[in-house]
Every structure is written in structure tokens, then in C-alpha cells.
N, C-alpha and C. Protein backbone atom coordinates (compact mmCIF):
# COMPACT_ATOMS: atom_id res chain seq x y z
N MET A 1 54.22 37.00 1.46
CA MET A 1 53.51 35.82 1.03
C MET A 1 52.31 36.38 -0.38
N ALA A 2 52.66 35.23 -1.04
CA ALA A 2 51.71 36.04 -2.47
C ALA A 2 50.85 35.34 -2.27
N GLN A 3 49.29 36.27 -2.63
CA GLN A 3 48.13 35.74 -2.72
C GLN A 3 47.85 35.51 -3.57
N VAL A 4 46.93 33.74 -3.66
CA VAL A 4 46.61 32.98 -4.58
C VAL A 4 44.78 33.88 -5.04
N THR A 5 44.87 33.64 -6.15
CA THR A 5 43.19 33.73 -6.21
C THR A 5 42.47 32.49 -6.20
N THR A 6 41.10 33.00 -5.98
CA THR A 6 40.43 31.91 -5.29
C THR A 6 39.60 31.49 -6.70
N GLY A 7 39.61 29.94 -6.78
CA GLY A 7 39.24 29.19 -7.93
C GLY A 7 37.98 28.65 -7.42
N ILE A 8 37.14 28.17 -8.68
CA ILE A 8 35.67 26.73 -8.34
C ILE A 8 36.12 25.92 -8.44
N ARG A 9 35.43 24.93 -8.11
CA ARG A 9 35.66 23.49 -8.29
C ARG A 9 35.49 22.89 -9.19
N LEU A 10 36.46 22.03 -9.83
CA LEU A 10 36.13 21.49 -11.21
C LEU A 10 35.98 20.04 -10.33
N GLU A 11 36.58 19.29 -9.75
CA GLU A 11 35.53 18.08 -8.96
C GLU A 11 36.13 18.16 -7.66
N ALA A 12 35.82 16.94 -7.36
CA ALA A 12 35.77 16.86 -5.69
C ALA A 12 36.33 15.59 -5.20
N GLY A 13 37.02 15.15 -4.54
CA GLY A 13 37.28 13.37 -4.33
C GLY A 13 35.97 13.18 -3.22
N VAL A 14 35.40 11.90 -3.36
CA VAL A 14 34.18 11.41 -2.80
C VAL A 14 34.51 9.76 -1.99
N GLU A 15 34.55 10.24 -0.90
CA GLU A 15 34.27 9.11 0.16
C GLU A 15 32.81 8.78 -0.20
N GLN A 16 32.80 7.03 -0.61
CA GLN A 16 31.76 6.54 -0.78
C GLN A 16 31.13 6.00 1.08
N VAL A 17 30.08 6.32 1.52
CA VAL A 17 30.07 5.47 2.78
C VAL A 17 28.98 4.29 2.83
N LYS A 18 27.98 4.31 1.78
CA LYS A 18 27.17 3.11 1.34
C LYS A 18 26.40 3.73 0.59
N GLY A 19 25.23 2.72 0.02
CA GLY A 19 24.73 2.96 -1.19
C GLY A 19 24.97 3.03 -2.95
N ILE A 20 24.64 3.35 -3.75
CA ILE A 20 25.25 3.93 -5.12
C ILE A 20 26.43 4.15 -5.07
N SER A 21 27.51 3.28 -6.15
CA SER A 21 28.91 3.72 -5.82
C SER A 21 29.09 5.10 -7.29
N ASN A 22 28.29 5.15 -7.67
CA ASN A 22 28.23 6.58 -8.79
C ASN A 22 26.79 7.15 -8.40
N PHE A 23 27.08 8.44 -8.04
CA PHE A 23 25.50 8.99 -7.68
C PHE A 23 26.04 10.36 -8.51
N PRO A 24 24.67 11.00 -8.82
CA PRO A 24 23.93 11.67 -10.00
C PRO A 24 24.47 13.40 -9.63
N ALA A 25 25.46 13.97 -10.37
CA ALA A 25 26.13 15.24 -10.18
C ALA A 25 24.97 16.45 -10.24
N SER A 26 24.93 17.37 -9.44
CA SER A 26 23.54 18.27 -9.12
C SER A 26 24.16 19.38 -9.45
N GLN A 27 24.62 18.89 -11.04
CA GLN A 27 24.92 20.60 -11.58
C GLN A 27 23.92 21.16 -12.34
N ARG A 28 22.36 20.63 -12.12
CA ARG A 28 21.55 21.02 -12.88
C ARG A 28 21.31 22.65 -12.92
N ILE A 29 20.94 23.80 -14.52
CA ILE A 29 21.07 24.93 -14.40
C ILE A 29 19.45 24.72 -14.49
N GLY A 30 18.20 25.32 -13.82
CA GLY A 30 17.15 25.41 -13.57
C GLY A 30 16.74 26.96 -13.66
N PRO A 31 15.53 27.12 -13.80
CA PRO A 31 14.72 28.69 -14.21
C PRO A 31 15.03 29.50 -13.02
N HIS A 32 15.36 29.03 -11.91
CA HIS A 32 15.58 30.04 -10.83
C HIS A 32 17.59 30.22 -11.05
N MET A 33 18.24 29.21 -11.50
CA MET A 33 19.58 29.66 -11.51
C MET A 33 19.46 31.07 -12.75
N LEU A 34 18.70 31.05 -13.99
CA LEU A 34 19.04 31.54 -14.93
C LEU A 34 18.36 33.15 -14.89
N GLY A 35 17.20 32.89 -13.61
CA GLY A 35 16.94 33.87 -12.72
C GLY A 35 15.51 34.85 -14.01
N LEU A 36 15.34 35.43 -12.63
CA LEU A 36 13.58 36.62 -13.05
C LEU A 36 14.25 37.71 -12.90
N ARG A 37 15.13 38.15 -12.15
CA ARG A 37 15.51 39.44 -11.54
C ARG A 37 17.03 39.87 -12.27
N SER A 38 17.62 38.96 -12.97
CA SER A 38 18.30 39.57 -13.83
C SER A 38 18.66 38.66 -14.97
N ASN A 39 19.13 39.09 -16.06
CA ASN A 39 19.45 38.59 -17.45
C ASN A 39 20.58 37.87 -17.22
N ALA A 40 21.36 37.53 -16.53
CA ALA A 40 22.88 36.69 -16.34
C ALA A 40 23.10 36.02 -15.59
N ARG A 41 23.06 34.86 -15.26
CA ARG A 41 23.96 34.06 -14.29
C ARG A 41 25.24 33.24 -14.94
N GLN A 42 25.46 32.61 -13.66
CA GLN A 42 27.29 31.98 -14.28
C GLN A 42 27.13 30.76 -13.67
N HIS A 43 27.75 29.95 -14.46
CA HIS A 43 28.32 28.13 -14.07
C HIS A 43 29.44 27.84 -14.24
N LYS A 44 30.45 27.42 -13.57
CA LYS A 44 31.88 26.47 -14.10
C LYS A 44 32.34 27.63 -14.77
N GLY A 45 32.56 28.60 -15.05
CA GLY A 45 33.34 29.28 -16.54
C GLY A 45 32.31 30.01 -17.38
N ARG A 46 31.04 29.24 -17.44
CA ARG A 46 30.64 29.84 -18.46
C ARG A 46 29.25 31.09 -17.85
N GLU A 47 28.46 31.66 -18.91
CA GLU A 47 27.72 32.72 -18.31
C GLU A 47 26.50 32.46 -19.42
N TYR A 48 24.97 32.25 -18.51
CA TYR A 48 24.13 32.56 -19.57
C TYR A 48 23.05 33.50 -19.26
N LYS A 49 23.01 33.71 -20.56
CA LYS A 49 22.06 35.45 -20.57
C LYS A 49 21.18 35.01 -21.79
N MET A 50 20.05 35.32 -20.53
CA MET A 50 18.48 35.23 -21.22
C MET A 50 18.16 36.44 -22.11
N ASN A 51 17.87 36.04 -23.78
CA ASN A 51 17.70 37.28 -24.58
C ASN A 51 15.83 37.85 -24.23
N ARG A 52 15.32 38.81 -23.84
CA ARG A 52 14.71 39.30 -23.28
C ARG A 52 13.41 39.31 -24.40
N THR A 53 13.78 39.59 -25.48
CA THR A 53 13.22 39.72 -27.17
C THR A 53 12.63 38.16 -27.62
N THR A 54 13.52 37.20 -27.80
CA THR A 54 13.30 35.89 -28.40
C THR A 54 12.89 34.75 -27.02
N GLY A 55 13.33 34.97 -25.61
CA GLY A 55 13.16 34.08 -24.58
C GLY A 55 14.37 32.77 -24.86
N ARG A 56 15.46 33.10 -25.49
CA ARG A 56 16.29 32.29 -25.74
C ARG A 56 18.03 32.10 -24.93
N ILE A 57 18.02 31.30 -24.58
CA ILE A 57 19.26 31.18 -23.53
C ILE A 57 20.46 31.51 -24.36
N ALA A 58 21.76 31.95 -24.26
CA ALA A 58 22.84 32.34 -24.98
C ALA A 58 24.20 32.10 -23.97
N VAL A 59 24.60 31.01 -24.34
CA VAL A 59 25.57 30.34 -23.45
C VAL A 59 27.10 31.57 -24.08
N THR A 60 27.95 31.80 -23.13
CA THR A 60 29.42 32.22 -23.61
C THR A 60 30.06 32.22 -22.49
N THR A 61 31.84 31.92 -22.92
CA THR A 61 32.53 31.76 -21.51
C THR A 61 32.83 32.70 -21.01
N SER A 62 32.84 32.62 -19.77
CA SER A 62 33.66 33.96 -18.72
C SER A 62 34.49 33.45 -17.69
N ALA A 63 36.13 34.50 -18.30
CA ALA A 63 37.03 33.90 -16.95
C ALA A 63 36.72 34.33 -15.65
N ALA A 64 35.52 35.09 -15.25
CA ALA A 64 35.36 35.93 -14.26
C ALA A 64 34.53 34.82 -13.56
N ALA A 65 34.00 34.03 -13.33
CA ALA A 65 33.39 32.93 -12.90
C ALA A 65 34.04 32.38 -11.76
N LEU A 66 34.81 32.93 -10.87
CA LEU A 66 34.89 32.15 -9.50
C LEU A 66 34.16 31.61 -8.85
N PHE A 67 33.57 32.82 -7.75
CA PHE A 67 32.10 32.56 -7.03
C PHE A 67 31.05 32.94 -7.75
N SER A 68 31.03 31.54 -8.50
CA SER A 68 29.44 32.01 -9.55
C SER A 68 28.07 32.22 -8.69
N THR A 69 26.84 33.11 -9.38
CA THR A 69 25.76 32.95 -8.88
C THR A 69 25.23 31.64 -8.49
N VAL A 70 25.72 30.42 -9.22
CA VAL A 70 25.16 29.23 -9.33
C VAL A 70 25.87 28.56 -7.78
N LEU A 71 26.96 28.34 -8.13
CA LEU A 71 27.60 27.58 -6.74
C LEU A 71 27.29 28.08 -5.54
N LEU A 72 27.56 29.55 -5.24
CA LEU A 72 27.58 30.42 -3.89
C LEU A 72 25.74 31.03 -3.73
N GLY A 73 25.54 31.26 -4.72
CA GLY A 73 24.01 32.17 -4.61
C GLY A 73 23.90 33.31 -5.30
N SER A 74 24.77 34.19 -4.56
CA SER A 74 24.96 35.35 -5.22
C SER A 74 26.21 35.98 -4.56
N PRO A 75 26.83 36.86 -5.96
CA PRO A 75 28.42 37.32 -5.88
C PRO A 75 28.18 38.23 -3.51
N ALA A 76 26.97 38.31 -3.74
CA ALA A 76 27.06 39.22 -2.23
C ALA A 76 27.09 37.72 -1.13
N GLN A 77 26.35 36.33 -1.19
CA GLN A 77 26.66 35.34 -0.64
C GLN A 77 28.37 35.22 -0.74
N ALA A 78 28.74 34.90 -1.82
CA ALA A 78 30.28 34.73 -1.51
C ALA A 78 30.91 35.80 -0.91
N ALA A 79 30.65 36.79 -0.86
CA ALA A 79 31.86 38.27 0.15
C ALA A 79 31.38 37.28 1.22
N SER A 80 30.19 37.06 1.86
CA SER A 80 29.39 37.05 3.05
C SER A 80 30.55 35.67 3.81
N LEU A 81 30.11 34.82 3.31
CA LEU A 81 31.25 33.92 3.14
C LEU A 81 32.79 33.93 3.64
N SER A 82 33.10 34.40 2.73
CA SER A 82 34.38 34.76 2.73
C SER A 82 34.64 35.71 4.06
N SER A 83 34.02 36.79 4.20
CA SER A 83 34.33 37.60 5.34
C SER A 83 33.90 36.89 6.92
N GLU A 84 32.92 36.02 6.58
CA GLU A 84 32.58 35.24 7.95
C GLU A 84 33.59 34.51 8.26
N ALA A 85 34.48 33.87 7.25
CA ALA A 85 35.67 33.14 7.63
C ALA A 85 36.51 33.60 8.23
N ALA A 86 36.94 34.68 7.46
CA ALA A 86 37.92 35.51 8.17
C ALA A 86 37.61 36.25 9.70
N SER A 87 36.27 36.31 9.96
CA SER A 87 36.04 36.63 10.95
C SER A 87 36.29 35.55 12.17
N ILE A 88 35.65 34.34 11.39
CA ILE A 88 36.16 33.22 12.57
C ILE A 88 37.38 32.87 13.06
N CYS A 89 38.30 33.09 11.86
CA CYS A 89 39.75 33.20 12.21
C CYS A 89 40.04 34.24 13.01
N GLY A 90 39.69 35.44 13.04
CA GLY A 90 40.52 36.31 13.73
C GLY A 90 40.93 37.74 13.09
N SER A 91 41.08 38.09 13.65
CA SER A 91 41.42 39.55 13.20
C SER A 91 42.47 39.60 12.45
N GLY A 92 42.69 39.92 11.21
CA GLY A 92 44.19 40.41 10.53
C GLY A 92 44.29 38.85 9.54
N TYR A 93 42.88 38.31 9.45
CA TYR A 93 43.50 37.02 8.76
C TYR A 93 42.52 37.51 7.14
N TYR A 94 42.89 37.25 6.14
CA TYR A 94 42.64 37.02 5.07
C TYR A 94 42.61 35.59 4.15
N VAL A 95 41.78 35.72 3.58
CA VAL A 95 41.53 34.27 2.56
C VAL A 95 42.32 34.33 1.06
N GLN A 96 43.40 33.32 1.18
CA GLN A 96 44.54 33.10 0.40
C GLN A 96 43.86 31.87 -0.37
N ARG A 97 42.69 31.08 -0.42
CA ARG A 97 42.39 30.12 -1.33
C ARG A 97 40.62 29.36 -0.94
N SER A 98 40.33 28.88 -1.48
CA SER A 98 38.41 28.20 -1.09
C SER A 98 38.83 27.23 -2.38
N HIS A 99 37.61 26.58 -2.06
CA HIS A 99 37.20 25.08 -2.73
C HIS A 99 35.76 25.42 -2.57
N VAL A 100 34.89 25.14 -3.66
CA VAL A 100 33.68 24.60 -2.98
C VAL A 100 33.08 23.14 -2.80
N LEU A 101 33.30 22.17 -1.59
CA LEU A 101 32.83 21.21 -1.94
C LEU A 101 31.62 20.61 -2.03
N SER A 102 30.25 21.62 -2.35
CA SER A 102 29.36 21.80 -3.10
C SER A 102 28.31 22.62 -2.76
N ASP A 103 27.97 21.97 -4.07
CA ASP A 103 27.01 23.50 -4.64
C ASP A 103 25.41 23.23 -4.48
N LYS A 104 25.35 22.02 -3.90
CA LYS A 104 23.52 21.43 -3.89
C LYS A 104 23.23 22.83 -2.95
N GLU A 105 22.05 23.18 -3.63
CA GLU A 105 21.22 24.29 -3.21
C GLU A 105 20.84 24.11 -1.46
N THR A 106 20.78 22.72 -1.27
CA THR A 106 20.32 22.63 0.01
C THR A 106 21.54 21.95 0.71
N GLN A 107 22.89 21.95 0.69
CA GLN A 107 23.55 21.35 1.17
C GLN A 107 24.74 21.65 0.82
N GLY A 108 25.06 22.87 0.29
CA GLY A 108 26.41 23.60 -0.29
C GLY A 108 27.49 23.87 1.46
N ALA A 109 28.30 23.83 0.87
CA ALA A 109 29.67 23.89 1.68
C ALA A 109 30.89 24.45 1.27
N THR A 110 31.93 25.24 1.71
CA THR A 110 32.85 25.60 0.94
C THR A 110 33.87 25.92 1.91
N ALA A 111 35.69 25.18 1.42
CA ALA A 111 36.63 25.09 2.72
C ALA A 111 37.34 26.60 1.81
N PHE A 112 37.57 26.84 3.40
CA PHE A 112 38.81 28.41 2.66
C PHE A 112 40.04 28.08 3.72
N GLN A 113 41.00 28.62 3.41
CA GLN A 113 42.49 28.59 3.10
C GLN A 113 42.63 30.27 3.89
N LEU A 114 43.12 30.54 4.82
CA LEU A 114 43.52 31.93 5.33
C LEU A 114 44.90 32.39 5.74
N TYR A 115 45.10 33.68 5.85
CA TYR A 115 46.62 33.91 6.35
C TYR A 115 46.41 34.95 6.87
N ASN A 116 47.00 35.15 8.42
CA ASN A 116 47.61 36.53 8.72
C ASN A 116 49.30 36.84 8.80
N ALA A 117 49.19 38.01 7.87
CA ALA A 117 50.69 38.31 7.55
C ALA A 117 51.43 38.83 8.79
N SER A 118 50.90 39.12 9.73
CA SER A 118 51.28 40.24 11.10
C SER A 118 51.90 38.78 12.32
N SER A 119 51.09 37.36 12.15
CA SER A 119 51.25 36.14 13.42
C SER A 119 52.38 35.61 12.16
N LYS A 120 52.05 35.30 10.61
CA LYS A 120 52.57 34.24 9.95
C LYS A 120 52.36 33.00 10.24
N LYS A 121 50.74 33.25 10.55
CA LYS A 121 50.06 31.98 10.56
C LYS A 121 49.03 31.56 9.45
N ASN A 122 48.27 30.64 9.48
CA ASN A 122 47.39 30.02 8.80
C ASN A 122 46.70 29.71 9.17
N CYS A 123 45.19 29.71 8.84
CA CYS A 123 43.61 29.74 9.01
C CYS A 123 42.81 28.40 8.15
N ALA A 124 42.23 27.61 8.43
CA ALA A 124 40.92 26.93 8.05
C ALA A 124 39.89 26.77 8.70
N VAL A 125 39.17 26.92 8.01
CA VAL A 125 37.63 26.31 8.48
C VAL A 125 36.77 26.15 7.40
N THR A 126 36.03 25.62 7.51
CA THR A 126 35.02 24.99 6.33
C THR A 126 33.68 25.38 6.54
N LEU A 127 32.71 26.37 5.88
CA LEU A 127 31.53 26.92 6.04
C LEU A 127 30.53 25.95 5.44
N LYS A 128 29.37 25.86 6.13
CA LYS A 128 28.09 25.95 5.59
C LYS A 128 27.27 27.12 4.62
N HIS A 129 27.09 26.59 3.50
CA HIS A 129 26.21 27.82 2.73
C HIS A 129 25.00 28.60 3.68
N PRO A 130 24.21 28.88 4.22
CA PRO A 130 23.04 29.54 4.47
C PRO A 130 21.71 29.13 3.53
N THR A 131 21.33 28.55 3.98
CA THR A 131 20.23 27.79 3.72
C THR A 131 18.91 27.52 4.46
N SER A 132 17.62 27.35 4.03
CA SER A 132 16.41 27.49 5.13
C SER A 132 15.78 25.87 5.37
N SER A 133 17.15 24.88 4.56
CA SER A 133 17.13 23.09 4.69
C SER A 133 17.62 23.15 5.97
N SER A 134 17.12 21.72 6.58
CA SER A 134 17.90 21.53 8.07
C SER A 134 19.02 21.32 7.91
N PHE A 135 19.79 21.28 6.58
CA PHE A 135 21.43 20.99 7.17
C PHE A 135 21.86 21.79 7.61
N TYR A 136 21.17 23.48 7.22
CA TYR A 136 22.13 24.37 7.95
C TYR A 136 21.98 25.01 9.58
N GLY A 137 22.43 24.15 10.50
CA GLY A 137 22.15 24.54 11.71
C GLY A 137 22.38 22.61 12.18
N GLY A 138 22.20 22.29 11.54
CA GLY A 138 21.89 20.79 11.92
C GLY A 138 23.16 19.95 11.91
N LYS A 139 23.54 19.21 12.95
CA LYS A 139 24.76 18.55 12.98
C LYS A 139 25.03 17.48 12.27
N THR A 140 25.66 17.80 11.46
CA THR A 140 26.28 16.87 10.11
C THR A 140 27.73 16.99 10.39
N THR A 141 28.27 15.78 9.42
CA THR A 141 29.86 15.58 9.15
C THR A 141 30.69 17.39 8.91
N LEU A 142 31.46 17.35 9.36
CA LEU A 142 32.19 18.62 8.47
C LEU A 142 33.77 18.32 8.82
N GLY A 143 34.24 19.17 8.46
CA GLY A 143 36.45 18.77 8.34
C GLY A 143 36.49 19.92 7.72
N ALA A 144 37.90 20.68 8.80
CA ALA A 144 38.71 21.81 7.86
C ALA A 144 39.56 21.56 8.27
N GLY A 145 41.11 21.84 7.41
CA GLY A 145 42.70 21.02 8.08
C GLY A 145 43.75 21.88 7.19
N LEU A 146 44.56 21.94 7.83
CA LEU A 146 45.81 22.07 7.31
C LEU A 146 47.36 21.51 7.22
N ARG A 147 48.04 21.42 6.57
CA ARG A 147 48.95 20.62 7.20
C ARG A 147 50.66 21.93 5.99
N ALA A 148 51.68 21.85 7.17
CA ALA A 148 53.05 22.78 6.35
C ALA A 148 53.76 21.79 5.30
N GLU A 149 54.47 22.34 4.52
CA GLU A 149 54.83 21.04 3.74
C GLU A 149 55.64 20.43 4.63
N GLY A 150 55.79 19.06 4.53
CA GLY A 150 57.02 18.05 5.37
C GLY A 150 56.38 18.09 6.44
N GLY A 151 55.00 18.44 7.23
CA GLY A 151 54.86 18.05 8.70
C GLY A 151 53.19 17.24 8.37
N SER A 152 52.93 17.36 9.70
CA SER A 152 51.03 16.45 9.56
C SER A 152 50.44 17.31 9.47
N TRP A 153 49.20 16.48 9.11
CA TRP A 153 48.23 17.40 9.19
C TRP A 153 47.60 17.64 10.69
N VAL A 154 46.78 19.22 10.51
CA VAL A 154 46.01 19.14 11.70
C VAL A 154 44.68 19.28 11.60
N LYS A 155 43.86 18.59 11.50
CA LYS A 155 42.17 18.59 11.21
C LYS A 155 41.32 19.03 12.81
N ASP A 156 40.11 19.26 11.93
CA ASP A 156 39.13 19.39 13.09
C ASP A 156 38.08 18.96 12.28
N GLU A 157 37.58 17.49 12.55
CA GLU A 157 36.39 17.04 11.74
C GLU A 157 35.47 16.55 12.84
N GLY A 158 34.19 16.80 12.62
CA GLY A 158 32.74 16.74 14.22
C GLY A 158 31.66 16.86 13.19
N ALA A 159 30.83 16.74 14.31
CA ALA A 159 29.10 16.59 13.58
C ALA A 159 29.20 18.24 14.08
N TYR A 160 28.63 19.58 13.05
CA TYR A 160 28.94 20.79 12.94
C TYR A 160 27.62 21.10 12.68
N GLY A 161 26.77 22.38 13.02
CA GLY A 161 25.49 22.86 12.58
C GLY A 161 26.25 24.08 11.07
N TYR A 162 27.39 24.69 12.01
CA TYR A 162 27.39 25.82 10.66
C TYR A 162 28.99 26.03 10.23
N TYR A 163 30.15 25.37 11.05
CA TYR A 163 31.13 25.60 10.58
C TYR A 163 32.16 24.56 10.95
N ALA A 164 33.09 24.26 10.39
CA ALA A 164 34.43 22.94 10.97
C ALA A 164 35.60 24.67 11.18
N GLY A 165 36.31 23.73 12.52
CA GLY A 165 37.54 24.82 12.08
C GLY A 165 37.22 26.09 13.63
N PRO A 166 38.03 27.13 13.83
CA PRO A 166 39.30 27.08 12.58
C PRO A 166 40.38 26.07 13.75
N VAL A 167 41.66 25.65 12.47
CA VAL A 167 42.67 25.26 12.89
C VAL A 167 43.61 25.92 12.17
N TYR A 168 44.57 26.15 12.93
CA TYR A 168 45.43 27.00 12.69
C TYR A 168 47.24 26.34 12.64
N ILE A 169 48.06 26.92 11.76
CA ILE A 169 49.60 26.36 11.72
C ILE A 169 50.26 27.50 11.55
N SER A 170 51.25 27.42 11.75
CA SER A 170 52.74 28.72 11.73
C SER A 170 53.43 27.61 10.55
N ALA A 171 53.39 28.27 9.60
CA ALA A 171 54.41 27.48 8.00
C ALA A 171 55.51 28.79 7.11
N ALA A 172 55.84 29.49 8.33
CA ALA A 172 56.68 30.26 7.46
C ALA A 172 57.72 29.45 6.96
N GLY A 173 57.88 30.53 5.68
CA GLY A 173 58.79 30.04 4.51
C GLY A 173 58.64 28.14 4.02
N LYS A 174 57.34 28.21 4.52
CA LYS A 174 56.89 26.77 3.86
C LYS A 174 55.66 26.81 2.43
N CYS A 175 55.38 25.93 1.92
CA CYS A 175 54.29 25.87 1.27
C CYS A 175 52.93 25.17 2.54
N VAL A 176 51.99 24.95 1.88
CA VAL A 176 50.89 24.72 2.52
C VAL A 176 49.38 24.48 1.85
N GLN A 177 48.97 23.42 2.70
CA GLN A 177 47.85 22.54 2.00
C GLN A 177 46.76 22.72 2.91
N PHE A 178 45.54 23.07 2.02
CA PHE A 178 44.37 23.12 3.10
C PHE A 178 43.47 21.75 2.78
N TRP A 179 42.00 21.27 3.74
CA TRP A 179 41.50 20.26 3.55
C TRP A 179 40.79 20.97 3.80
N GLY A 180 39.27 20.21 3.48
CA GLY A 180 37.59 19.96 3.76
C GLY A 180 37.16 19.09 3.01
N LYS A 181 36.07 18.79 3.95
CA LYS A 181 35.11 17.54 4.27
C LYS A 181 33.84 18.29 4.37
N THR A 182 32.61 17.55 3.68
CA THR A 182 31.02 17.45 4.16
C THR A 182 30.51 16.31 3.90
N TYR A 183 29.42 16.13 4.60
CA TYR A 183 28.43 15.32 4.04
C TYR A 183 27.77 15.81 3.04
N GLN A 184 26.94 14.70 2.84
CA GLN A 184 26.20 14.76 1.60
C GLN A 184 25.34 13.83 1.81
N SER A 185 23.69 13.90 1.14
CA SER A 185 22.74 12.63 1.26
C SER A 185 22.15 12.94 -0.01
N GLY A 186 21.37 11.69 -0.76
CA GLY A 186 20.48 11.75 -1.95
C GLY A 186 19.40 11.05 -1.49
N ALA A 187 18.54 10.78 -2.32
CA ALA A 187 17.68 10.03 -2.01
C ALA A 187 17.94 8.42 -1.37
N SER A 188 18.38 7.53 -2.07
CA SER A 188 19.02 6.32 -1.49
C SER A 188 20.52 6.17 -0.76
N SER A 189 21.19 7.57 -0.90
CA SER A 189 22.60 7.32 -0.47
C SER A 189 22.77 8.25 0.71
N VAL A 190 24.25 7.92 1.20
CA VAL A 190 24.95 8.96 2.42
C VAL A 190 26.27 9.33 1.29
N TRP A 191 26.80 10.29 1.56
CA TRP A 191 28.44 10.18 1.43
C TRP A 191 28.95 11.52 1.45
N TYR A 192 30.99 11.96 1.18
CA TYR A 192 30.99 12.47 1.83
C TYR A 192 31.75 13.35 0.66
N GLU A 193 32.01 14.92 0.42
CA GLU A 193 32.68 15.54 -0.55
C GLU A 193 33.73 15.79 0.51
N THR A 194 35.08 15.53 -0.08
CA THR A 194 36.46 15.49 0.21
C THR A 194 37.46 16.64 -0.99
N HIS A 195 38.17 17.99 -0.24
CA HIS A 195 39.24 18.19 -0.99
C HIS A 195 40.10 18.18 -0.13
N THR A 196 41.69 17.84 -0.79
CA THR A 196 42.50 17.68 -0.22
C THR A 196 43.67 19.14 -1.59
N SER A 197 43.94 20.65 -1.28
CA SER A 197 44.68 21.12 -1.59
C SER A 197 46.20 20.86 -2.40
N ALA A 198 46.50 21.28 -3.84
CA ALA A 198 48.11 20.90 -3.69
C ALA A 198 48.60 22.31 -3.04
N LEU A 199 50.17 22.06 -2.70
CA LEU A 199 51.12 22.79 -1.95
C LEU A 199 50.61 24.14 -2.61
N GLY A 200 50.26 25.08 -1.64
CA GLY A 200 50.98 26.55 -2.22
C GLY A 200 51.02 27.72 -1.18
N ASN A 201 50.97 28.76 -1.74
CA ASN A 201 50.99 29.82 -0.34
C ASN A 201 52.32 29.70 0.07
N CYS A 202 53.66 29.47 -0.75
CA CYS A 202 55.04 29.41 0.19
C CYS A 202 55.32 30.67 0.55
N GLY A 203 56.17 30.89 1.61
CA GLY A 203 56.56 31.62 1.80
C GLY A 203 56.97 31.74 3.19
């Protein structure tokens, strides 16, 4: 089964619960993202570099911004989340695809699809990003799911502190979809960010 490179979120489905019908995007680049310790940070395929002499910010495109430092805090955190997802699914599982459901600093979450070549099973988990806010560890709606081509969805959705799943399916010879959901809140509204992937990782 071919491994598909993880990509970053371009947009996410939104299931409105109450409050305003359009909510502000949380995609702001602040000084904490541009960095005091480093002269470069990445955001959605763009690299922001601080010129130490002039103090100006130069913006250049970058194809390497898959798990960017803005989306997941740091490359180390991205690797840590992938490792945690594999640990939750069990021995032999590795990440095939993932999707950042939310990159909010205090309410981040990522959905993962994993595969085990020995058992030929897929696994799905959705993880909250570690944060000092009450979101991490507090029980909020979180969901993970998988579907084999031609089959029905297998989902785990509930109030969880750290992750939803693991969900398993056997899909030998078939394409697979994965799904994720997370709770979000703003100043005057509550909503859910969701993602349903295209069929992929066929084999």
C-alpha cells in the first residue's frame, strides 16, 4: 500500500451549532509565531523570515510547510503527535495521512489515518494539541472515523479530554476515507470543525 504524504489544511467543513453564521478565521501571524528564538516560521506554505538588520519580514513560498510551526507549534510537536497517534493505534501502525482540524493555539486538533502492513488494517485517531488551556484534558466533543470504499462509516465520537479513537477497519484491496471532528468556541459562539477525506491509500 502506497504511503501518501501528509498535507496541511486548506479549509475545513464547519457544522454550525449556534451563534453567528460566519466566524472569524484564526489564521493570524503574531510576534510569538514569527519568533524570538528563530528567524523563520512557516504558515500555510509560506515562510516568514525576520531580517535581523532591518527588522523587516520577508515572505517567500515554501513547499516544505507540511506540519508548519504555526499549525502545530514546532516540527518536534508534529513528530510527537504522529508518534502518539501510532502508539494509540498499536505496534506496527504508521501515519498515512493527517488533517489539521484546528490550528488555534488554545484549541488545536489533528485527525490521523494510520496503517499496519502486517495486519492490513487501518486505524483512525483524532488528537488534541497539547496546550496549557482547559481545552487540553477537558472533555469536549471529539471524533475519529474510517470508511472502506463501498462500506459504512465506523466512528468514535464523544466527550474526550485528549483523543478520540482508535477506530479500526480492514480494507484490503479497497480505498479508504478518514474523518475527524473537534469542538471550537469563540467569544459568542460554539461550532465544530470537521473533515472528511477523499478516498485514498488504495490497495
